Amino acid sequence: MSVLTKVLVVDDDKRFADNMARLLEVHGLFAAKVYSGEEALEALRESDYDVVLLDMRLPGYTGRGTLERLRDAGAKVKVIVVTGHASADDAAEFIRLGAFDYILKPCKTEKILDLIDRAYRKKLEEERAGG
């Protein structure tokens, strides 16, 4: 994984978001955190990120609403939905909407790091291919 990988953590649980951002930075990533879908969209307008860890249940714009707005805006960021509320229907819907993957909280650090690495590599592949 590149030191340049930029990850945005979006979760209304401030403790989770803060801890996740610190954990990612310990592993050599740049990580920022916001606590709502609206803040995520603003952060993505202001700066380029490679990967977004997106909680499904957020105040205001839900995870789904945030993902739809990113897709509609043509954002090149890869989104990994991270949720404590599992549903096969939700997982299928988020993938259909363009999420890279969908994982459950709590999850092992290695799993998150592997997914971020895979998402980042996919983003680079698409950029090289012109897409």
N, C-alpha and C. Protein backbone atom coordinates (compact mmCIF):
# COMPACT_ATOMS: atom_id res chain seq x y z
N MET A 1 0.85 -1.18 0.00
CA MET A 1 0.00 0.00 0.00
C MET A 1 0.89 1.24 0.00
N SER A 2 0.48 2.21 -0.72
CA SER A 2 1.25 3.44 -0.85
C SER A 2 1.05 4.34 0.36
N VAL A 3 2.14 5.02 0.74
CA VAL A 3 2.05 6.02 1.81
C VAL A 3 1.10 7.14 1.37
N LEU A 4 0.91 7.28 0.07
CA LEU A 4 0.07 8.35 -0.45
C LEU A 4 -1.42 8.02 -0.41
N THR A 5 -1.77 6.81 -0.02
CA THR A 5 -3.18 6.44 0.01
C THR A 5 -3.91 7.33 1.01
N LYS A 6 -4.95 8.00 0.53
CA LYS A 6 -5.73 8.91 1.36
C LYS A 6 -7.10 8.31 1.62
N VAL A 7 -7.41 8.15 2.90
CA VAL A 7 -8.66 7.51 3.31
C VAL A 7 -9.50 8.51 4.10
N LEU A 8 -10.78 8.56 3.79
CA LEU A 8 -11.73 9.37 4.55
C LEU A 8 -12.66 8.42 5.31
N VAL A 9 -12.66 8.54 6.63
CA VAL A 9 -13.53 7.73 7.49
C VAL A 9 -14.78 8.56 7.77
N VAL A 10 -15.95 7.98 7.45
CA VAL A 10 -17.24 8.67 7.64
C VAL A 10 -18.09 7.83 8.59
N ASP A 11 -18.25 8.32 9.81
CA ASP A 11 -19.03 7.58 10.80
C ASP A 11 -19.54 8.55 11.85
N ASP A 12 -20.82 8.42 12.23
CA ASP A 12 -21.37 9.32 13.24
C ASP A 12 -20.93 8.93 14.65
N ASP A 13 -20.35 7.75 14.83
CA ASP A 13 -19.78 7.34 16.10
C ASP A 13 -18.37 7.94 16.15
N LYS A 14 -18.25 9.09 16.81
CA LYS A 14 -16.99 9.83 16.80
C LYS A 14 -15.84 9.01 17.33
N ARG A 15 -16.08 8.23 18.36
CA ARG A 15 -15.00 7.41 18.91
C ARG A 15 -14.50 6.40 17.88
N PHE A 16 -15.44 5.74 17.17
CA PHE A 16 -15.05 4.79 16.13
C PHE A 16 -14.26 5.51 15.03
N ALA A 17 -14.77 6.63 14.55
CA ALA A 17 -14.11 7.36 13.46
C ALA A 17 -12.71 7.82 13.88
N ASP A 18 -12.61 8.39 15.08
CA ASP A 18 -11.30 8.86 15.56
C ASP A 18 -10.31 7.71 15.70
N ASN A 19 -10.76 6.61 16.30
CA ASN A 19 -9.88 5.45 16.48
C ASN A 19 -9.47 4.84 15.15
N MET A 20 -10.43 4.73 14.22
CA MET A 20 -10.11 4.17 12.90
C MET A 20 -9.09 5.04 12.17
N ALA A 21 -9.27 6.34 12.21
CA ALA A 21 -8.32 7.24 11.54
C ALA A 21 -6.92 7.09 12.16
N ARG A 22 -6.85 7.03 13.48
CA ARG A 22 -5.54 6.85 14.13
C ARG A 22 -4.92 5.52 13.73
N LEU A 23 -5.71 4.47 13.72
CA LEU A 23 -5.22 3.15 13.35
C LEU A 23 -4.67 3.14 11.93
N LEU A 24 -5.38 3.76 11.01
CA LEU A 24 -4.92 3.81 9.62
C LEU A 24 -3.61 4.58 9.52
N GLU A 25 -3.49 5.67 10.25
CA GLU A 25 -2.25 6.46 10.21
C GLU A 25 -1.08 5.68 10.78
N VAL A 26 -1.32 4.89 11.82
CA VAL A 26 -0.26 4.04 12.39
C VAL A 26 0.25 3.08 11.32
N HIS A 27 -0.62 2.69 10.40
CA HIS A 27 -0.25 1.77 9.34
C HIS A 27 0.21 2.49 8.06
N GLY A 28 0.54 3.75 8.17
CA GLY A 28 1.17 4.47 7.05
C GLY A 28 0.24 5.11 6.06
N LEU A 29 -1.03 5.22 6.38
CA LEU A 29 -1.98 5.85 5.48
C LEU A 29 -2.27 7.27 5.96
N PHE A 30 -2.71 8.12 5.05
CA PHE A 30 -3.23 9.42 5.45
C PHE A 30 -4.72 9.20 5.71
N ALA A 31 -5.19 9.60 6.88
CA ALA A 31 -6.60 9.39 7.20
C ALA A 31 -7.21 10.66 7.79
N ALA A 32 -8.38 11.00 7.28
CA ALA A 32 -9.18 12.09 7.83
C ALA A 32 -10.51 11.49 8.25
N LYS A 33 -11.23 12.20 9.10
CA LYS A 33 -12.52 11.68 9.53
C LYS A 33 -13.54 12.79 9.58
N VAL A 34 -14.77 12.41 9.26
CA VAL A 34 -15.93 13.29 9.37
C VAL A 34 -17.07 12.46 9.96
N TYR A 35 -18.12 13.15 10.40
CA TYR A 35 -19.14 12.47 11.17
C TYR A 35 -20.53 12.47 10.53
N SER A 36 -20.63 12.87 9.26
CA SER A 36 -21.92 12.85 8.57
C SER A 36 -21.70 12.75 7.07
N GLY A 37 -22.77 12.39 6.37
CA GLY A 37 -22.70 12.33 4.92
C GLY A 37 -22.44 13.69 4.30
N GLU A 38 -23.07 14.72 4.86
CA GLU A 38 -22.88 16.08 4.34
C GLU A 38 -21.41 16.50 4.49
N GLU A 39 -20.82 16.20 5.65
CA GLU A 39 -19.40 16.53 5.86
C GLU A 39 -18.51 15.74 4.90
N ALA A 40 -18.90 14.51 4.62
CA ALA A 40 -18.11 13.69 3.69
C ALA A 40 -18.12 14.30 2.29
N LEU A 41 -19.28 14.71 1.83
CA LEU A 41 -19.37 15.31 0.50
C LEU A 41 -18.56 16.59 0.43
N GLU A 42 -18.60 17.39 1.49
CA GLU A 42 -17.81 18.62 1.55
C GLU A 42 -16.32 18.30 1.53
N ALA A 43 -15.89 17.32 2.33
CA ALA A 43 -14.47 16.94 2.38
C ALA A 43 -14.00 16.45 1.02
N LEU A 44 -14.85 15.73 0.31
CA LEU A 44 -14.48 15.20 -1.00
C LEU A 44 -14.49 16.29 -2.08
N ARG A 45 -15.23 17.36 -1.87
CA ARG A 45 -15.15 18.51 -2.78
C ARG A 45 -13.85 19.28 -2.57
N GLU A 46 -13.38 19.29 -1.33
CA GLU A 46 -12.20 20.08 -0.97
C GLU A 46 -10.89 19.36 -1.22
N SER A 47 -10.90 18.03 -1.22
CA SER A 47 -9.66 17.28 -1.34
C SER A 47 -9.94 15.94 -2.02
N ASP A 48 -8.92 15.41 -2.67
CA ASP A 48 -9.04 14.10 -3.31
C ASP A 48 -8.71 13.01 -2.30
N TYR A 49 -9.56 12.02 -2.23
CA TYR A 49 -9.32 10.83 -1.42
C TYR A 49 -9.35 9.63 -2.34
N ASP A 50 -8.65 8.58 -1.93
CA ASP A 50 -8.63 7.35 -2.71
C ASP A 50 -9.75 6.40 -2.29
N VAL A 51 -9.97 6.33 -0.97
CA VAL A 51 -10.91 5.37 -0.41
C VAL A 51 -11.72 6.06 0.68
N VAL A 52 -13.02 5.73 0.73
CA VAL A 52 -13.89 6.20 1.80
C VAL A 52 -14.40 4.97 2.56
N LEU A 53 -14.24 5.00 3.88
CA LEU A 53 -14.89 4.01 4.75
C LEU A 53 -16.18 4.67 5.21
N LEU A 54 -17.31 4.17 4.73
CA LEU A 54 -18.60 4.83 4.90
C LEU A 54 -19.54 4.02 5.76
N ASP A 55 -19.95 4.60 6.89
CA ASP A 55 -20.96 3.97 7.73
C ASP A 55 -22.30 4.02 7.00
N MET A 56 -23.11 3.01 7.20
CA MET A 56 -24.40 2.94 6.53
C MET A 56 -25.43 3.84 7.20
N ARG A 57 -25.41 3.88 8.51
CA ARG A 57 -26.41 4.66 9.26
C ARG A 57 -25.78 5.96 9.73
N LEU A 58 -26.20 7.03 9.09
CA LEU A 58 -25.69 8.37 9.39
C LEU A 58 -26.88 9.31 9.54
N PRO A 59 -26.71 10.37 10.33
CA PRO A 59 -27.76 11.38 10.38
C PRO A 59 -27.77 12.18 9.07
N GLY A 60 -28.87 12.75 8.71
CA GLY A 60 -28.93 13.52 7.46
C GLY A 60 -28.82 12.57 6.28
N TYR A 61 -27.85 12.82 5.41
CA TYR A 61 -27.63 11.89 4.30
C TYR A 61 -27.16 10.57 4.88
N THR A 62 -27.90 9.52 4.66
CA THR A 62 -27.49 8.19 5.10
C THR A 62 -26.28 7.74 4.28
N GLY A 63 -25.74 6.59 4.61
CA GLY A 63 -24.66 6.03 3.80
C GLY A 63 -25.11 5.86 2.36
N ARG A 64 -26.32 5.36 2.19
CA ARG A 64 -26.86 5.17 0.83
C ARG A 64 -26.99 6.51 0.10
N GLY A 65 -27.56 7.50 0.77
CA GLY A 65 -27.71 8.82 0.15
C GLY A 65 -26.37 9.43 -0.21
N THR A 66 -25.39 9.25 0.66
CA THR A 66 -24.04 9.77 0.40
C THR A 66 -23.43 9.06 -0.81
N LEU A 67 -23.55 7.73 -0.84
CA LEU A 67 -23.01 6.96 -1.96
C LEU A 67 -23.69 7.35 -3.27
N GLU A 68 -25.00 7.52 -3.25
CA GLU A 68 -25.71 7.93 -4.46
C GLU A 68 -25.21 9.29 -4.96
N ARG A 69 -24.99 10.22 -4.06
CA ARG A 69 -24.51 11.55 -4.45
C ARG A 69 -23.09 11.48 -5.01
N LEU A 70 -22.26 10.63 -4.43
CA LEU A 70 -20.90 10.45 -4.96
C LEU A 70 -20.96 9.87 -6.37
N ARG A 71 -21.79 8.85 -6.55
CA ARG A 71 -21.93 8.23 -7.87
C ARG A 71 -22.44 9.24 -8.89
N ASP A 72 -23.48 9.98 -8.52
CA ASP A 72 -24.07 10.94 -9.43
C ASP A 72 -23.09 12.06 -9.80
N ALA A 73 -22.17 12.36 -8.88
CA ALA A 73 -21.16 13.40 -9.14
C ALA A 73 -19.97 12.84 -9.93
N GLY A 74 -19.95 11.53 -10.17
CA GLY A 74 -18.86 10.92 -10.92
C GLY A 74 -17.57 10.82 -10.12
N ALA A 75 -17.67 10.77 -8.80
CA ALA A 75 -16.48 10.68 -7.95
C ALA A 75 -15.71 9.40 -8.24
N LYS A 76 -14.39 9.51 -8.30
CA LYS A 76 -13.52 8.36 -8.60
C LYS A 76 -13.10 7.62 -7.34
N VAL A 77 -13.52 8.08 -6.20
CA VAL A 77 -13.15 7.47 -4.92
C VAL A 77 -13.80 6.09 -4.79
N LYS A 78 -13.09 5.16 -4.16
CA LYS A 78 -13.63 3.83 -3.90
C LYS A 78 -14.26 3.83 -2.51
N VAL A 79 -15.46 3.31 -2.41
CA VAL A 79 -16.21 3.34 -1.15
C VAL A 79 -16.34 1.93 -0.59
N ILE A 80 -15.93 1.80 0.66
CA ILE A 80 -16.13 0.56 1.41
C ILE A 80 -17.15 0.87 2.50
N VAL A 81 -18.29 0.21 2.43
CA VAL A 81 -19.33 0.41 3.44
C VAL A 81 -18.97 -0.42 4.66
N VAL A 82 -18.94 0.24 5.82
CA VAL A 82 -18.61 -0.41 7.09
C VAL A 82 -19.82 -0.22 8.00
N THR A 83 -20.45 -1.32 8.40
CA THR A 83 -21.68 -1.19 9.18
C THR A 83 -21.79 -2.23 10.27
N GLY A 84 -22.51 -1.89 11.29
CA GLY A 84 -22.81 -2.84 12.36
C GLY A 84 -24.18 -3.46 12.16
N HIS A 85 -24.84 -3.14 11.06
CA HIS A 85 -26.20 -3.60 10.80
C HIS A 85 -26.24 -4.37 9.49
N ALA A 86 -25.96 -5.66 9.57
CA ALA A 86 -25.81 -6.48 8.37
C ALA A 86 -27.13 -6.86 7.74
N SER A 87 -27.12 -6.88 6.42
CA SER A 87 -28.27 -7.34 5.66
C SER A 87 -27.78 -7.71 4.26
N ALA A 88 -28.12 -8.89 3.81
CA ALA A 88 -27.72 -9.31 2.46
C ALA A 88 -28.34 -8.37 1.42
N ASP A 89 -29.57 -7.92 1.66
CA ASP A 89 -30.21 -7.00 0.73
C ASP A 89 -29.46 -5.66 0.68
N ASP A 90 -29.08 -5.15 1.85
CA ASP A 90 -28.32 -3.89 1.90
C ASP A 90 -26.99 -4.05 1.18
N ALA A 91 -26.30 -5.16 1.45
CA ALA A 91 -25.00 -5.39 0.81
C ALA A 91 -25.15 -5.37 -0.72
N ALA A 92 -26.13 -6.09 -1.22
CA ALA A 92 -26.35 -6.13 -2.68
C ALA A 92 -26.70 -4.75 -3.22
N GLU A 93 -27.51 -4.00 -2.49
CA GLU A 93 -27.90 -2.66 -2.93
C GLU A 93 -26.70 -1.72 -2.97
N PHE A 94 -25.84 -1.76 -1.95
CA PHE A 94 -24.67 -0.88 -1.92
C PHE A 94 -23.70 -1.22 -3.05
N ILE A 95 -23.52 -2.51 -3.33
CA ILE A 95 -22.64 -2.91 -4.43
C ILE A 95 -23.24 -2.43 -5.75
N ARG A 96 -24.55 -2.58 -5.91
CA ARG A 96 -25.22 -2.10 -7.13
C ARG A 96 -25.04 -0.60 -7.30
N LEU A 97 -25.03 0.13 -6.19
CA LEU A 97 -24.86 1.59 -6.24
C LEU A 97 -23.41 2.01 -6.46
N GLY A 98 -22.49 1.04 -6.47
CA GLY A 98 -21.10 1.37 -6.78
C GLY A 98 -20.11 1.22 -5.65
N ALA A 99 -20.53 0.71 -4.50
CA ALA A 99 -19.57 0.48 -3.42
C ALA A 99 -18.57 -0.59 -3.84
N PHE A 100 -17.35 -0.44 -3.42
CA PHE A 100 -16.31 -1.44 -3.71
C PHE A 100 -16.55 -2.71 -2.90
N ASP A 101 -16.94 -2.53 -1.63
CA ASP A 101 -17.20 -3.68 -0.78
C ASP A 101 -18.06 -3.24 0.41
N TYR A 102 -18.46 -4.22 1.19
CA TYR A 102 -19.39 -4.02 2.31
C TYR A 102 -18.93 -4.95 3.41
N ILE A 103 -18.55 -4.38 4.58
CA ILE A 103 -18.07 -5.22 5.67
C ILE A 103 -18.76 -4.85 6.98
N LEU A 104 -18.69 -5.77 7.92
CA LEU A 104 -19.35 -5.61 9.20
C LEU A 104 -18.40 -5.13 10.28
N LYS A 105 -18.93 -4.28 11.17
CA LYS A 105 -18.22 -3.91 12.39
C LYS A 105 -18.60 -4.94 13.45
N PRO A 106 -17.73 -5.27 14.35
CA PRO A 106 -16.31 -4.95 14.30
C PRO A 106 -15.61 -5.84 13.28
N CYS A 107 -14.50 -5.37 12.76
CA CYS A 107 -13.73 -6.18 11.82
C CYS A 107 -12.25 -6.05 12.16
N LYS A 108 -11.52 -7.04 11.77
CA LYS A 108 -10.10 -7.07 12.08
C LYS A 108 -9.35 -6.00 11.27
N THR A 109 -8.34 -5.44 11.88
CA THR A 109 -7.52 -4.42 11.23
C THR A 109 -6.97 -4.93 9.90
N GLU A 110 -6.50 -6.17 9.89
CA GLU A 110 -5.92 -6.73 8.66
C GLU A 110 -6.93 -6.76 7.53
N LYS A 111 -8.18 -7.05 7.87
CA LYS A 111 -9.25 -7.10 6.85
C LYS A 111 -9.48 -5.70 6.26
N ILE A 112 -9.55 -4.70 7.13
CA ILE A 112 -9.76 -3.32 6.65
C ILE A 112 -8.57 -2.88 5.78
N LEU A 113 -7.36 -3.16 6.25
CA LEU A 113 -6.18 -2.75 5.49
C LEU A 113 -6.13 -3.45 4.14
N ASP A 114 -6.49 -4.73 4.11
CA ASP A 114 -6.52 -5.47 2.84
C ASP A 114 -7.55 -4.88 1.89
N LEU A 115 -8.73 -4.57 2.39
CA LEU A 115 -9.77 -3.99 1.53
C LEU A 115 -9.35 -2.61 1.01
N ILE A 116 -8.75 -1.80 1.86
CA ILE A 116 -8.28 -0.48 1.42
C ILE A 116 -7.23 -0.65 0.33
N ASP A 117 -6.30 -1.59 0.53
CA ASP A 117 -5.26 -1.84 -0.47
C ASP A 117 -5.87 -2.28 -1.79
N ARG A 118 -6.82 -3.21 -1.74
CA ARG A 118 -7.47 -3.68 -2.97
C ARG A 118 -8.25 -2.56 -3.66
N ALA A 119 -8.95 -1.76 -2.87
CA ALA A 119 -9.72 -0.65 -3.44
C ALA A 119 -8.77 0.37 -4.08
N TYR A 120 -7.68 0.67 -3.41
CA TYR A 120 -6.70 1.63 -3.94
C TYR A 120 -6.11 1.12 -5.25
N ARG A 121 -5.75 -0.16 -5.29
CA ARG A 121 -5.18 -0.74 -6.52
C ARG A 121 -6.20 -0.70 -7.66
N LYS A 122 -7.47 -0.97 -7.36
CA LYS A 122 -8.53 -0.91 -8.37
C LYS A 122 -8.68 0.52 -8.90
N LYS A 123 -8.61 1.49 -8.01
CA LYS A 123 -8.70 2.89 -8.42
C LYS A 123 -7.54 3.24 -9.36
N LEU A 124 -6.34 2.80 -9.02
CA LEU A 124 -5.18 3.07 -9.88
C LEU A 124 -5.32 2.39 -11.23
N GLU A 125 -5.80 1.16 -11.25
CA GLU A 125 -6.04 0.44 -12.50
C GLU A 125 -6.99 1.22 -13.40
N GLU A 126 -8.09 1.67 -12.80
CA GLU A 126 -9.09 2.42 -13.57
C GLU A 126 -8.53 3.74 -14.08
N GLU A 127 -7.70 4.40 -13.29
CA GLU A 127 -7.11 5.66 -13.73
C GLU A 127 -6.16 5.42 -14.90
N ARG A 128 -5.36 4.34 -14.81
CA ARG A 128 -4.43 4.00 -15.91
C ARG A 128 -5.18 3.66 -17.18
N ALA A 129 -6.34 3.01 -17.02
CA ALA A 129 -7.15 2.60 -18.17
C ALA A 129 -7.98 3.77 -18.73
N GLY A 130 -7.91 4.90 -18.04
CA GLY A 130 -8.66 6.07 -18.51
C GLY A 130 -10.10 6.08 -18.06
N GLY A 131 -10.43 5.29 -17.03
CA GLY A 131 -11.82 5.23 -16.61
C GLY A 131 -11.95 5.64 -15.21
